[in-house]
Amino acid sequence: MISADDLAAEWIAAWNAHDLPRILSHYAEDVVFTSPASTRITGDPTGRVVGKVALTDYWRQALELAPDLTFTLRAIYRGPESVAIRYHSSRTGAEVVEALRRGPDGQVVEAYAYYE
């Protein structure tokens, strides 16, 4: 399993490159992603996107709507099975935290986005 620092650096680099396959490479097939921002695209008021196929579709649409999106890493928080990445979003100007819980193989099985 890669370190929290390496995961955060690669995650930010993948997003800044707008490289969807690279972004998705960190996530398990049965991932559950929850974000208040997802409702704008999915219409699901729970904010949940379930499974890598649905997440691929969601993030493809999100990246198309934000071609100038970049993230600036602010901090990395480490947990026993998780990593939280705090970053600044150029698109919204917001500070964001993404909490990523990893399974035994290191793939992200749950992710939560928190916005200020």
PDB file of N, CA and C in Angstrom:
ATOM      1  N   MET A   1       0.860  -1.178   0.000  1.00  0.00           N
ATOM      2  CA  MET A   1       0.000   0.000   0.000  1.00  0.00           C
ATOM      3  C   MET A   1       0.903   1.236   0.000  1.00  0.00           C
ATOM      4  N   ILE A   2       0.574   2.204  -0.852  1.00  0.00           N
ATOM      5  CA  ILE A   2       1.390   3.415  -0.887  1.00  0.00           C
ATOM      6  C   ILE A   2       1.116   4.271   0.338  1.00  0.00           C
ATOM      7  N   SER A   3       2.072   5.082   0.685  1.00  0.00           N
ATOM      8  CA  SER A   3       1.946   5.935   1.869  1.00  0.00           C
ATOM      9  C   SER A   3       0.878   7.000   1.656  1.00  0.00           C
ATOM     10  N   ALA A   4       0.417   7.574   2.750  1.00  0.00           N
ATOM     11  CA  ALA A   4      -0.557   8.663   2.684  1.00  0.00           C
ATOM     12  C   ALA A   4      -0.006   9.841   1.894  1.00  0.00           C
ATOM     13  N   ASP A   5       1.267  10.167   2.109  1.00  0.00           N
ATOM     14  CA  ASP A   5       1.880  11.284   1.383  1.00  0.00           C
ATOM     15  C   ASP A   5       1.914  11.024  -0.115  1.00  0.00           C
ATOM     16  N   ASP A   6       2.305   9.800  -0.498  1.00  0.00           N
ATOM     17  CA  ASP A   6       2.371   9.460  -1.918  1.00  0.00           C
ATOM     18  C   ASP A   6       0.977   9.427  -2.545  1.00  0.00           C
ATOM     19  N   LEU A   7       0.002   8.891  -1.818  1.00  0.00           N
ATOM     20  CA  LEU A   7      -1.373   8.867  -2.325  1.00  0.00           C
ATOM     21  C   LEU A   7      -1.872  10.286  -2.548  1.00  0.00           C
ATOM     22  N   ALA A   8      -1.678  11.159  -1.575  1.00  0.00           N
ATOM     23  CA  ALA A   8      -2.156  12.541  -1.698  1.00  0.00           C
ATOM     24  C   ALA A   8      -1.486  13.258  -2.870  1.00  0.00           C
ATOM     25  N   ALA A   9      -0.181  13.086  -3.011  1.00  0.00           N
ATOM     26  CA  ALA A   9       0.544  13.739  -4.111  1.00  0.00           C
ATOM     27  C   ALA A   9       0.052  13.231  -5.466  1.00  0.00           C
ATOM     28  N   GLU A  10      -0.117  11.933  -5.587  1.00  0.00           N
ATOM     29  CA  GLU A  10      -0.582  11.345  -6.846  1.00  0.00           C
ATOM     30  C   GLU A  10      -2.027  11.744  -7.130  1.00  0.00           C
ATOM     31  N   TRP A  11      -2.858  11.775  -6.096  1.00  0.00           N
ATOM     32  CA  TRP A  11      -4.266  12.130  -6.235  1.00  0.00           C
ATOM     33  C   TRP A  11      -4.387  13.563  -6.758  1.00  0.00           C
ATOM     34  N   ILE A  12      -3.651  14.493  -6.150  1.00  0.00           N
ATOM     35  CA  ILE A  12      -3.664  15.897  -6.593  1.00  0.00           C
ATOM     36  C   ILE A  12      -3.148  16.001  -8.030  1.00  0.00           C
ATOM     37  N   ALA A  13      -2.044  15.316  -8.331  1.00  0.00           N
ATOM     38  CA  ALA A  13      -1.470  15.375  -9.683  1.00  0.00           C
ATOM     39  C   ALA A  13      -2.445  14.830 -10.723  1.00  0.00           C
ATOM     40  N   ALA A  14      -3.135  13.750 -10.402  1.00  0.00           N
ATOM     41  CA  ALA A  14      -4.104  13.169 -11.337  1.00  0.00           C
ATOM     42  C   ALA A  14      -5.251  14.133 -11.608  1.00  0.00           C
ATOM     43  N   TRP A  15      -5.762  14.758 -10.554  1.00  0.00           N
ATOM     44  CA  TRP A  15      -6.841  15.735 -10.737  1.00  0.00           C
ATOM     45  C   TRP A  15      -6.359  16.940 -11.543  1.00  0.00           C
ATOM     46  N   ASN A  16      -5.186  17.438 -11.234  1.00  0.00           N
ATOM     47  CA  ASN A  16      -4.676  18.611 -11.955  1.00  0.00           C
ATOM     48  C   ASN A  16      -4.392  18.312 -13.423  1.00  0.00           C
ATOM     49  N   ALA A  17      -4.122  17.054 -13.744  1.00  0.00           N
ATOM     50  CA  ALA A  17      -3.925  16.640 -15.132  1.00  0.00           C
ATOM     51  C   ALA A  17      -5.258  16.348 -15.838  1.00  0.00           C
ATOM     52  N   HIS A  18      -6.342  16.334 -15.078  1.00  0.00           N
ATOM     53  CA  HIS A  18      -7.675  15.976 -15.597  1.00  0.00           C
ATOM     54  C   HIS A  18      -7.634  14.601 -16.259  1.00  0.00           C
ATOM     55  N   ASP A  19      -6.862  13.708 -15.663  1.00  0.00           N
ATOM     56  CA  ASP A  19      -6.649  12.364 -16.192  1.00  0.00           C
ATOM     57  C   ASP A  19      -7.595  11.403 -15.471  1.00  0.00           C
ATOM     58  N   LEU A  20      -8.776  11.207 -16.042  1.00  0.00           N
ATOM     59  CA  LEU A  20      -9.815  10.424 -15.377  1.00  0.00           C
ATOM     60  C   LEU A  20      -9.376   8.989 -15.072  1.00  0.00           C
ATOM     61  N   PRO A  21      -8.774   8.256 -16.003  1.00  0.00           N
ATOM     62  CA  PRO A  21      -8.322   6.901 -15.639  1.00  0.00           C
ATOM     63  C   PRO A  21      -7.318   6.910 -14.479  1.00  0.00           C
ATOM     64  N   ARG A  22      -6.454   7.882 -14.451  1.00  0.00           N
ATOM     65  CA  ARG A  22      -5.471   7.997 -13.360  1.00  0.00           C
ATOM     66  C   ARG A  22      -6.169   8.310 -12.038  1.00  0.00           C
ATOM     67  N   ILE A  23      -7.150   9.200 -12.061  1.00  0.00           N
ATOM     68  CA  ILE A  23      -7.927   9.515 -10.858  1.00  0.00           C
ATOM     69  C   ILE A  23      -8.609   8.247 -10.351  1.00  0.00           C
ATOM     70  N   LEU A  24      -9.295   7.560 -11.257  1.00  0.00           N
ATOM     71  CA  LEU A  24     -10.071   6.378 -10.881  1.00  0.00           C
ATOM     72  C   LEU A  24      -9.216   5.200 -10.445  1.00  0.00           C
ATOM     73  N   SER A  25      -7.935   5.198 -10.794  1.00  0.00           N
ATOM     74  CA  SER A  25      -7.060   4.078 -10.443  1.00  0.00           C
ATOM     75  C   SER A  25      -6.938   3.881  -8.941  1.00  0.00           C
ATOM     76  N   HIS A  26      -7.295   4.875  -8.168  1.00  0.00           N
ATOM     77  CA  HIS A  26      -7.181   4.780  -6.706  1.00  0.00           C
ATOM     78  C   HIS A  26      -8.409   4.148  -6.043  1.00  0.00           C
ATOM     79  N   TYR A  27      -9.466   3.917  -6.816  1.00  0.00           N
ATOM     80  CA  TYR A  27     -10.754   3.542  -6.238  1.00  0.00           C
ATOM     81  C   TYR A  27     -11.136   2.098  -6.551  1.00  0.00           C
ATOM     82  N   ALA A  28     -11.760   1.444  -5.571  1.00  0.00           N
ATOM     83  CA  ALA A  28     -12.263   0.081  -5.726  1.00  0.00           C
ATOM     84  C   ALA A  28     -13.512   0.086  -6.606  1.00  0.00           C
ATOM     85  N   GLU A  29     -13.820  -1.057  -7.186  1.00  0.00           N
ATOM     86  CA  GLU A  29     -15.003  -1.181  -8.056  1.00  0.00           C
ATOM     87  C   GLU A  29     -16.296  -0.855  -7.310  1.00  0.00           C
ATOM     88  N   ASP A  30     -16.353  -1.182  -6.026  1.00  0.00           N
ATOM     89  CA  ASP A  30     -17.582  -0.977  -5.250  1.00  0.00           C
ATOM     90  C   ASP A  30     -17.522   0.269  -4.361  1.00  0.00           C
ATOM     91  N   VAL A  31     -16.719   1.242  -4.739  1.00  0.00           N
ATOM     92  CA  VAL A  31     -16.546   2.466  -3.959  1.00  0.00           C
ATOM     93  C   VAL A  31     -17.882   3.177  -3.740  1.00  0.00           C
ATOM     94  N   VAL A  32     -17.984   3.825  -2.591  1.00  0.00           N
ATOM     95  CA  VAL A  32     -19.115   4.706  -2.306  1.00  0.00           C
ATOM     96  C   VAL A  32     -18.534   6.088  -2.044  1.00  0.00           C
ATOM     97  N   PHE A  33     -18.915   7.038  -2.882  1.00  0.00           N
ATOM     98  CA  PHE A  33     -18.435   8.413  -2.795  1.00  0.00           C
ATOM     99  C   PHE A  33     -19.613   9.286  -2.385  1.00  0.00           C
ATOM    100  N   THR A  34     -19.403  10.154  -1.399  1.00  0.00           N
ATOM    101  CA  THR A  34     -20.461  11.035  -0.927  1.00  0.00           C
ATOM    102  C   THR A  34     -19.965  12.466  -0.934  1.00  0.00           C
ATOM    103  N   SER A  35     -20.729  13.331  -1.613  1.00  0.00           N
ATOM    104  CA  SER A  35     -20.358  14.736  -1.714  1.00  0.00           C
ATOM    105  C   SER A  35     -21.609  15.581  -1.923  1.00  0.00           C
ATOM    106  N   PRO A  36     -21.697  16.709  -1.231  1.00  0.00           N
ATOM    107  CA  PRO A  36     -22.843  17.584  -1.484  1.00  0.00           C
ATOM    108  C   PRO A  36     -22.828  18.149  -2.904  1.00  0.00           C
ATOM    109  N   ALA A  37     -21.661  18.205  -3.533  1.00  0.00           N
ATOM    110  CA  ALA A  37     -21.557  18.737  -4.896  1.00  0.00           C
ATOM    111  C   ALA A  37     -22.119  17.772  -5.937  1.00  0.00           C
ATOM    112  N   SER A  38     -22.171  16.492  -5.623  1.00  0.00           N
ATOM    113  CA  SER A  38     -22.611  15.509  -6.620  1.00  0.00           C
ATOM    114  C   SER A  38     -24.077  15.665  -6.992  1.00  0.00           C
ATOM    115  N   THR A  39     -24.865  16.216  -6.113  1.00  0.00           N
ATOM    116  CA  THR A  39     -26.304  16.336  -6.385  1.00  0.00           C
ATOM    117  C   THR A  39     -26.588  17.202  -7.612  1.00  0.00           C
ATOM    118  N   ARG A  40     -25.707  18.152  -7.916  1.00  0.00           N
ATOM    119  CA  ARG A  40     -25.921  19.020  -9.087  1.00  0.00           C
ATOM    120  C   ARG A  40     -25.892  18.224 -10.385  1.00  0.00           C
ATOM    121  N   ILE A  41     -25.123  17.144 -10.407  1.00  0.00           N
ATOM    122  CA  ILE A  41     -25.007  16.338 -11.625  1.00  0.00           C
ATOM    123  C   ILE A  41     -25.902  15.104 -11.564  1.00  0.00           C
ATOM    124  N   THR A  42     -25.902  14.422 -10.420  1.00  0.00           N
ATOM    125  CA  THR A  42     -26.644  13.158 -10.324  1.00  0.00           C
ATOM    126  C   THR A  42     -28.124  13.351 -10.009  1.00  0.00           C
ATOM    127  N   GLY A  43     -28.455  14.449  -9.338  1.00  0.00           N
ATOM    128  CA  GLY A  43     -29.831  14.658  -8.904  1.00  0.00           C
ATOM    129  C   GLY A  43     -30.193  13.881  -7.652  1.00  0.00           C
ATOM    130  N   ASP A  44     -29.278  13.077  -7.127  1.00  0.00           N
ATOM    131  CA  ASP A  44     -29.527  12.274  -5.928  1.00  0.00           C
ATOM    132  C   ASP A  44     -29.320  13.146  -4.695  1.00  0.00           C
ATOM    133  N   PRO A  45     -30.363  13.421  -3.923  1.00  0.00           N
ATOM    134  CA  PRO A  45     -30.232  14.308  -2.765  1.00  0.00           C
ATOM    135  C   PRO A  45     -29.359  13.754  -1.642  1.00  0.00           C
ATOM    136  N   THR A  46     -29.050  12.456  -1.672  1.00  0.00           N
ATOM    137  CA  THR A  46     -28.185  11.885  -0.635  1.00  0.00           C
ATOM    138  C   THR A  46     -26.727  12.247  -0.869  1.00  0.00           C
ATOM    139  N   GLY A  47     -26.391  12.673  -2.089  1.00  0.00           N
ATOM    140  CA  GLY A  47     -25.008  12.990  -2.414  1.00  0.00           C
ATOM    141  C   GLY A  47     -24.143  11.769  -2.655  1.00  0.00           C
ATOM    142  N   ARG A  48     -24.761  10.595  -2.701  1.00  0.00           N
ATOM    143  CA  ARG A  48     -23.991   9.346  -2.855  1.00  0.00           C
ATOM    144  C   ARG A  48     -23.857   8.954  -4.324  1.00  0.00           C
ATOM    145  N   VAL A  49     -22.656   8.517  -4.669  1.00  0.00           N
ATOM    146  CA  VAL A  49     -22.376   7.924  -5.979  1.00  0.00           C
ATOM    147  C   VAL A  49     -21.814   6.539  -5.669  1.00  0.00           C
ATOM    148  N   VAL A  50     -22.490   5.503  -6.121  1.00  0.00           N
ATOM    149  CA  VAL A  50     -22.146   4.138  -5.730  1.00  0.00           C
ATOM    150  C   VAL A  50     -21.572   3.373  -6.920  1.00  0.00           C
ATOM    151  N   GLY A  51     -20.361   2.874  -6.749  1.00  0.00           N
ATOM    152  CA  GLY A  51     -19.697   2.054  -7.750  1.00  0.00           C
ATOM    153  C   GLY A  51     -18.816   2.876  -8.682  1.00  0.00           C
ATOM    154  N   LYS A  52     -17.771   2.224  -9.154  1.00  0.00           N
ATOM    155  CA  LYS A  52     -16.788   2.896 -10.004  1.00  0.00           C
ATOM    156  C   LYS A  52     -17.378   3.321 -11.353  1.00  0.00           C
ATOM    157  N   VAL A  53     -18.315   2.552 -11.881  1.00  0.00           N
ATOM    158  CA  VAL A  53     -18.944   2.921 -13.152  1.00  0.00           C
ATOM    159  C   VAL A  53     -19.697   4.237 -12.997  1.00  0.00           C
ATOM    160  N   ALA A  54     -20.489   4.357 -11.941  1.00  0.00           N
ATOM    161  CA  ALA A  54     -21.240   5.596 -11.693  1.00  0.00           C
ATOM    162  C   ALA A  54     -20.292   6.751 -11.382  1.00  0.00           C
ATOM    163  N   LEU A  55     -19.227   6.456 -10.638  1.00  0.00           N
ATOM    164  CA  LEU A  55     -18.253   7.495 -10.300  1.00  0.00           C
ATOM    165  C   LEU A  55     -17.537   7.994 -11.549  1.00  0.00           C
ATOM    166  N   THR A  56     -17.242   7.087 -12.467  1.00  0.00           N
ATOM    167  CA  THR A  56     -16.616   7.468 -13.734  1.00  0.00           C
ATOM    168  C   THR A  56     -17.513   8.441 -14.496  1.00  0.00           C
ATOM    169  N   ASP A  57     -18.775   8.120 -14.599  1.00  0.00           N
ATOM    170  CA  ASP A  57     -19.720   8.981 -15.311  1.00  0.00           C
ATOM    171  C   ASP A  57     -19.844  10.340 -14.628  1.00  0.00           C
ATOM    172  N   TYR A  58     -19.950  10.319 -13.305  1.00  0.00           N
ATOM    173  CA  TYR A  58     -20.076  11.570 -12.549  1.00  0.00           C
ATOM    174  C   TYR A  58     -18.850  12.459 -12.742  1.00  0.00           C
ATOM    175  N   TRP A  59     -17.665  11.909 -12.537  1.00  0.00           N
ATOM    176  CA  TRP A  59     -16.454  12.728 -12.643  1.00  0.00           C
ATOM    177  C   TRP A  59     -16.165  13.148 -14.084  1.00  0.00           C
ATOM    178  N   ARG A  60     -16.569  12.346 -15.062  1.00  0.00           N
ATOM    179  CA  ARG A  60     -16.402  12.755 -16.462  1.00  0.00           C
ATOM    180  C   ARG A  60     -17.211  14.039 -16.702  1.00  0.00           C
ATOM    181  N   GLN A  61     -18.445  14.023 -16.257  1.00  0.00           N
ATOM    182  CA  GLN A  61     -19.293  15.205 -16.421  1.00  0.00           C
ATOM    183  C   GLN A  61     -18.745  16.399 -15.636  1.00  0.00           C
ATOM    184  N   ALA A  62     -18.302  16.146 -14.416  1.00  0.00           N
ATOM    185  CA  ALA A  62     -17.773  17.229 -13.579  1.00  0.00           C
ATOM    186  C   ALA A  62     -16.536  17.861 -14.212  1.00  0.00           C
ATOM    187  N   LEU A  63     -15.637  17.054 -14.758  1.00  0.00           N
ATOM    188  CA  LEU A  63     -14.435  17.585 -15.399  1.00  0.00           C
ATOM    189  C   LEU A  63     -14.767  18.365 -16.664  1.00  0.00           C
ATOM    190  N   GLU A  64     -15.758  17.918 -17.408  1.00  0.00           N
ATOM    191  CA  GLU A  64     -16.186  18.654 -18.608  1.00  0.00           C
ATOM    192  C   GLU A  64     -16.728  20.031 -18.243  1.00  0.00           C
ATOM    193  N   LEU A  65     -17.394  20.125 -17.101  1.00  0.00           N
ATOM    194  CA  LEU A  65     -17.960  21.404 -16.655  1.00  0.00           C
ATOM    195  C   LEU A  65     -16.917  22.338 -16.048  1.00  0.00           C
ATOM    196  N   ALA A  66     -15.738  21.805 -15.738  1.00  0.00           N
ATOM    197  CA  ALA A  66     -14.697  22.608 -15.073  1.00  0.00           C
ATOM    198  C   ALA A  66     -13.336  22.383 -15.737  1.00  0.00           C
ATOM    199  N   PRO A  67     -13.171  22.815 -16.976  1.00  0.00           N
ATOM    200  CA  PRO A  67     -11.913  22.539 -17.680  1.00  0.00           C
ATOM    201  C   PRO A  67     -10.696  23.244 -17.083  1.00  0.00           C
ATOM    202  N   ASP A  68     -10.920  24.256 -16.264  1.00  0.00           N
ATOM    203  CA  ASP A  68      -9.810  24.998 -15.656  1.00  0.00           C
ATOM    204  C   ASP A  68      -9.551  24.589 -14.206  1.00  0.00           C
ATOM    205  N   LEU A  69     -10.164  23.529 -13.745  1.00  0.00           N
ATOM    206  CA  LEU A  69     -10.064  23.084 -12.358  1.00  0.00           C
ATOM    207  C   LEU A  69      -8.637  22.682 -11.991  1.00  0.00           C
ATOM    208  N   THR A  70      -8.151  23.209 -10.874  1.00  0.00           N
ATOM    209  CA  THR A  70      -6.894  22.748 -10.282  1.00  0.00           C
ATOM    210  C   THR A  70      -7.050  22.719  -8.772  1.00  0.00           C
ATOM    211  N   PHE A  71      -6.289  21.831  -8.153  1.00  0.00           N
ATOM    212  CA  PHE A  71      -6.268  21.708  -6.709  1.00  0.00           C
ATOM    213  C   PHE A  71      -4.872  22.042  -6.205  1.00  0.00           C
ATOM    214  N   THR A  72      -4.821  22.714  -5.056  1.00  0.00           N
ATOM    215  CA  THR A  72      -3.554  22.991  -4.381  1.00  0.00           C
ATOM    216  C   THR A  72      -3.585  22.282  -3.035  1.00  0.00           C
ATOM    217  N   LEU A  73      -2.655  21.374  -2.829  1.00  0.00           N
ATOM    218  CA  LEU A  73      -2.593  20.607  -1.593  1.00  0.00           C
ATOM    219  C   LEU A  73      -2.308  21.524  -0.410  1.00  0.00           C
ATOM    220  N   ARG A  74      -3.097  21.394   0.642  1.00  0.00           N
ATOM    221  CA  ARG A  74      -2.907  22.176   1.867  1.00  0.00           C
ATOM    222  C   ARG A  74      -2.388  21.323   3.024  1.00  0.00           C
ATOM    223  N   ALA A  75      -2.940  20.101   3.172  1.00  0.00           N
ATOM    224  CA  ALA A  75      -2.527  19.253   4.296  1.00  0.00           C
ATOM    225  C   ALA A  75      -2.953  17.812   4.036  1.00  0.00           C
ATOM    226  N   ILE A  76      -2.272  16.907   4.721  1.00  0.00           N
ATOM    227  CA  ILE A  76      -2.590  15.484   4.671  1.00  0.00           C
ATOM    228  C   ILE A  76      -2.804  15.023   6.113  1.00  0.00           C
ATOM    229  N   TYR A  77      -3.908  14.332   6.342  1.00  0.00           N
ATOM    230  CA  TYR A  77      -4.214  13.788   7.663  1.00  0.00           C
ATOM    231  C   TYR A  77      -4.258  12.270   7.529  1.00  0.00           C
ATOM    232  N   ARG A  78      -3.595  11.582   8.433  1.00  0.00           N
ATOM    233  CA  ARG A  78      -3.428  10.135   8.334  1.00  0.00           C
ATOM    234  C   ARG A  78      -4.229   9.417   9.412  1.00  0.00           C
ATOM    235  N   GLY A  79      -4.887   8.353   9.011  1.00  0.00           N
ATOM    236  CA  GLY A  79      -5.598   7.474   9.932  1.00  0.00           C
ATOM    237  C   GLY A  79      -5.156   6.044   9.679  1.00  0.00           C
ATOM    238  N   PRO A  80      -5.593   5.100  10.521  1.00  0.00           N
ATOM    239  CA  PRO A  80      -5.123   3.727  10.369  1.00  0.00           C
ATOM    240  C   PRO A  80      -5.499   3.089   9.027  1.00  0.00           C
ATOM    241  N   GLU A  81      -6.672   3.391   8.513  1.00  0.00           N
ATOM    242  CA  GLU A  81      -7.108   2.845   7.221  1.00  0.00           C
ATOM    243  C   GLU A  81      -7.532   3.957   6.277  1.00  0.00           C
ATOM    244  N   SER A  82      -7.154   5.179   6.589  1.00  0.00           N
ATOM    245  CA  SER A  82      -7.688   6.290   5.814  1.00  0.00           C
ATOM    246  C   SER A  82      -6.681   7.423   5.671  1.00  0.00           C
ATOM    247  N   VAL A  83      -7.003   8.276   4.721  1.00  0.00           N
ATOM    248  CA  VAL A  83      -6.229   9.479   4.457  1.00  0.00           C
ATOM    249  C   VAL A  83      -7.242  10.587   4.210  1.00  0.00           C
ATOM    250  N   ALA A  84      -7.022  11.748   4.789  1.00  0.00           N
ATOM    251  CA  ALA A  84      -7.838  12.916   4.467  1.00  0.00           C
ATOM    252  C   ALA A  84      -6.925  13.938   3.809  1.00  0.00           C
ATOM    253  N   ILE A  85      -7.373  14.439   2.678  1.00  0.00           N
ATOM    254  CA  ILE A  85      -6.595  15.386   1.897  1.00  0.00           C
ATOM    255  C   ILE A  85      -7.319  16.721   1.917  1.00  0.00           C
ATOM    256  N   ARG A  86      -6.646  17.743   2.438  1.00  0.00           N
ATOM    257  CA  ARG A  86      -7.235  19.090   2.422  1.00  0.00           C
ATOM    258  C   ARG A  86      -6.581  19.858   1.287  1.00  0.00           C
ATOM    259  N   TYR A  87      -7.424  20.476   0.456  1.00  0.00           N
ATOM    260  CA  TYR A  87      -6.908  21.198  -0.697  1.00  0.00           C
ATOM    261  C   TYR A  87      -7.757  22.426  -0.990  1.00  0.00           C
ATOM    262  N   HIS A  88      -7.184  23.308  -1.770  1.00  0.00           N
ATOM    263  CA  HIS A  88      -7.878  24.498  -2.253  1.00  0.00           C
ATOM    264  C   HIS A  88      -8.327  24.222  -3.685  1.00  0.00           C
ATOM    265  N   SER A  89      -9.575  24.516  -3.984  1.00  0.00           N
ATOM    266  CA  SER A  89     -10.115  24.330  -5.325  1.00  0.00           C
ATOM    267  C   SER A  89     -10.103  25.659  -6.072  1.00  0.00           C
ATOM    268  N   SER A  90      -9.433  25.686  -7.214  1.00  0.00           N
ATOM    269  CA  SER A  90      -9.388  26.914  -8.005  1.00  0.00           C
ATOM    270  C   SER A  90     -10.757  27.261  -8.576  1.00  0.00           C
ATOM    271  N   ARG A  91     -11.583  26.283  -8.777  1.00  0.00           N
ATOM    272  CA  ARG A  91     -12.892  26.481  -9.406  1.00  0.00           C
ATOM    273  C   ARG A  91     -13.836  27.264  -8.503  1.00  0.00           C
ATOM    274  N   THR A  92     -13.886  26.877  -7.240  1.00  0.00           N
ATOM    275  CA  THR A  92     -14.833  27.494  -6.316  1.00  0.00           C
ATOM    276  C   THR A  92     -14.163  28.440  -5.329  1.00  0.00           C
ATOM    277  N   GLY A  93     -12.852  28.333  -5.203  1.00  0.00           N
ATOM    278  CA  GLY A  93     -12.133  29.123  -4.203  1.00  0.00           C
ATOM    279  C   GLY A  93     -12.285  28.563  -2.810  1.00  0.00           C
ATOM    280  N   ALA A  94     -12.889  27.392  -2.701  1.00  0.00           N
ATOM    281  CA  ALA A  94     -13.173  26.786  -1.398  1.00  0.00           C
ATOM    282  C   ALA A  94     -12.023  25.916  -0.920  1.00  0.00           C
ATOM    283  N   GLU A  95     -11.962  25.769   0.393  1.00  0.00           N
ATOM    284  CA  GLU A  95     -11.115  24.758   1.008  1.00  0.00           C
ATOM    285  C   GLU A  95     -11.963  23.498   1.123  1.00  0.00           C
ATOM    286  N   VAL A  96     -11.382  22.372   0.749  1.00  0.00           N
ATOM    287  CA  VAL A  96     -12.111  21.108   0.691  1.00  0.00           C
ATOM    288  C   VAL A  96     -11.297  20.041   1.418  1.00  0.00           C
ATOM    289  N   VAL A  97     -11.980  19.125   2.059  1.00  0.00           N
ATOM    290  CA  VAL A  97     -11.337  17.944   2.633  1.00  0.00           C
ATOM    291  C   VAL A  97     -11.998  16.718   2.014  1.00  0.00           C
ATOM    292  N   GLU A  98     -11.170  15.823   1.493  1.00  0.00           N
ATOM    293  CA  GLU A  98     -11.653  14.529   0.995  1.00  0.00           C
ATOM    294  C   GLU A  98     -11.090  13.467   1.920  1.00  0.00           C
ATOM    295  N   ALA A  99     -11.985  12.731   2.567  1.00  0.00           N
ATOM    296  CA  ALA A  99     -11.592  11.635   3.445  1.00  0.00           C
ATOM    297  C   ALA A  99     -11.730  10.335   2.665  1.00  0.00           C
ATOM    298  N   LEU A 100     -10.638   9.589   2.576  1.00  0.00           N
ATOM    299  CA  LEU A 100     -10.585   8.374   1.771  1.00  0.00           C
ATOM    300  C   LEU A 100     -10.285   7.184   2.671  1.00  0.00           C
ATOM    301  N   ARG A 101     -11.233   6.260   2.784  1.00  0.00           N
ATOM    302  CA  ARG A 101     -10.991   5.034   3.547  1.00  0.00           C
ATOM    303  C   ARG A 101     -10.559   3.951   2.571  1.00  0.00           C
ATOM    304  N   ARG A 102      -9.415   3.327   2.890  1.00  0.00           N
ATOM    305  CA  ARG A 102      -8.854   2.321   1.990  1.00  0.00           C
ATOM    306  C   ARG A 102      -9.111   0.914   2.509  1.00  0.00           C
ATOM    307  N   GLY A 103      -9.295   0.012   1.564  1.00  0.00           N
ATOM    308  CA  GLY A 103      -9.447  -1.399   1.882  1.00  0.00           C
ATOM    309  C   GLY A 103      -8.085  -2.036   2.053  1.00  0.00           C
ATOM    310  N   PRO A 104      -8.058  -3.345   2.335  1.00  0.00           N
ATOM    311  CA  PRO A 104      -6.798  -4.055   2.560  1.00  0.00           C
ATOM    312  C   PRO A 104      -5.823  -3.979   1.386  1.00  0.00           C
ATOM    313  N   ASP A 105      -6.342  -3.818   0.167  1.00  0.00           N
ATOM    314  CA  ASP A 105      -5.474  -3.742  -1.013  1.00  0.00           C
ATOM    315  C   ASP A 105      -5.024  -2.316  -1.324  1.00  0.00           C
ATOM    316  N   GLY A 106      -5.429  -1.357  -0.484  1.00  0.00           N
ATOM    317  CA  GLY A 106      -5.030   0.032  -0.677  1.00  0.00           C
ATOM    318  C   GLY A 106      -5.986   0.844  -1.522  1.00  0.00           C
ATOM    319  N   GLN A 107      -6.949   0.188  -2.163  1.00  0.00           N
ATOM    320  CA  GLN A 107      -7.932   0.908  -2.980  1.00  0.00           C
ATOM    321  C   GLN A 107      -8.930   1.630  -2.076  1.00  0.00           C
ATOM    322  N   VAL A 108      -9.395   2.781  -2.526  1.00  0.00           N
ATOM    323  CA  VAL A 108     -10.377   3.554  -1.767  1.00  0.00           C
ATOM    324  C   VAL A 108     -11.744   2.878  -1.896  1.00  0.00           C
ATOM    325  N   VAL A 109     -12.340   2.559  -0.742  1.00  0.00           N
ATOM    326  CA  VAL A 109     -13.661   1.918  -0.729  1.00  0.00           C
ATOM    327  C   VAL A 109     -14.765   2.883  -0.314  1.00  0.00           C
ATOM    328  N   GLU A 110     -14.396   3.932   0.406  1.00  0.00           N
ATOM    329  CA  GLU A 110     -15.341   4.985   0.780  1.00  0.00           C
ATOM    330  C   GLU A 110     -14.625   6.330   0.688  1.00  0.00           C
ATOM    331  N   ALA A 111     -15.346   7.319   0.195  1.00  0.00           N
ATOM    332  CA  ALA A 111     -14.788   8.662   0.103  1.00  0.00           C
ATOM    333  C   ALA A 111     -15.872   9.667   0.449  1.00  0.00           C
ATOM    334  N   TYR A 112     -15.473  10.677   1.192  1.00  0.00           N
ATOM    335  CA  TYR A 112     -16.390  11.736   1.597  1.00  0.00           C
ATOM    336  C   TYR A 112     -15.736  13.077   1.312  1.00  0.00           C
ATOM    337  N   ALA A 113     -16.490  13.988   0.700  1.00  0.00           N
ATOM    338  CA  ALA A 113     -15.991  15.335   0.426  1.00  0.00           C
ATOM    339  C   ALA A 113     -16.699  16.305   1.361  1.00  0.00           C
ATOM    340  N   TYR A 114     -15.915  17.211   1.931  1.00  0.00           N
ATOM    341  CA  TYR A 114     -16.428  18.217   2.853  1.00  0.00           C
ATOM    342  C   TYR A 114     -15.982  19.587   2.354  1.00  0.00           C
ATOM    343  N   TYR A 115     -16.916  20.496   2.225  1.00  0.00           N
ATOM    344  CA  TYR A 115     -16.635  21.840   1.725  1.00  0.00           C
ATOM    345  C   TYR A 115     -16.864  22.863   2.819  1.00  0.00           C
ATOM    346  N   GLU A 116     -16.060  23.957   2.771  1.00  0.00           N
ATOM    347  CA  GLU A 116     -16.277  25.020   3.755  1.00  0.00           C
ATOM    348  C   GLU A 116     -17.448  25.867   3.339  1.00  0.00           C
TER     349      GLU A 116
END
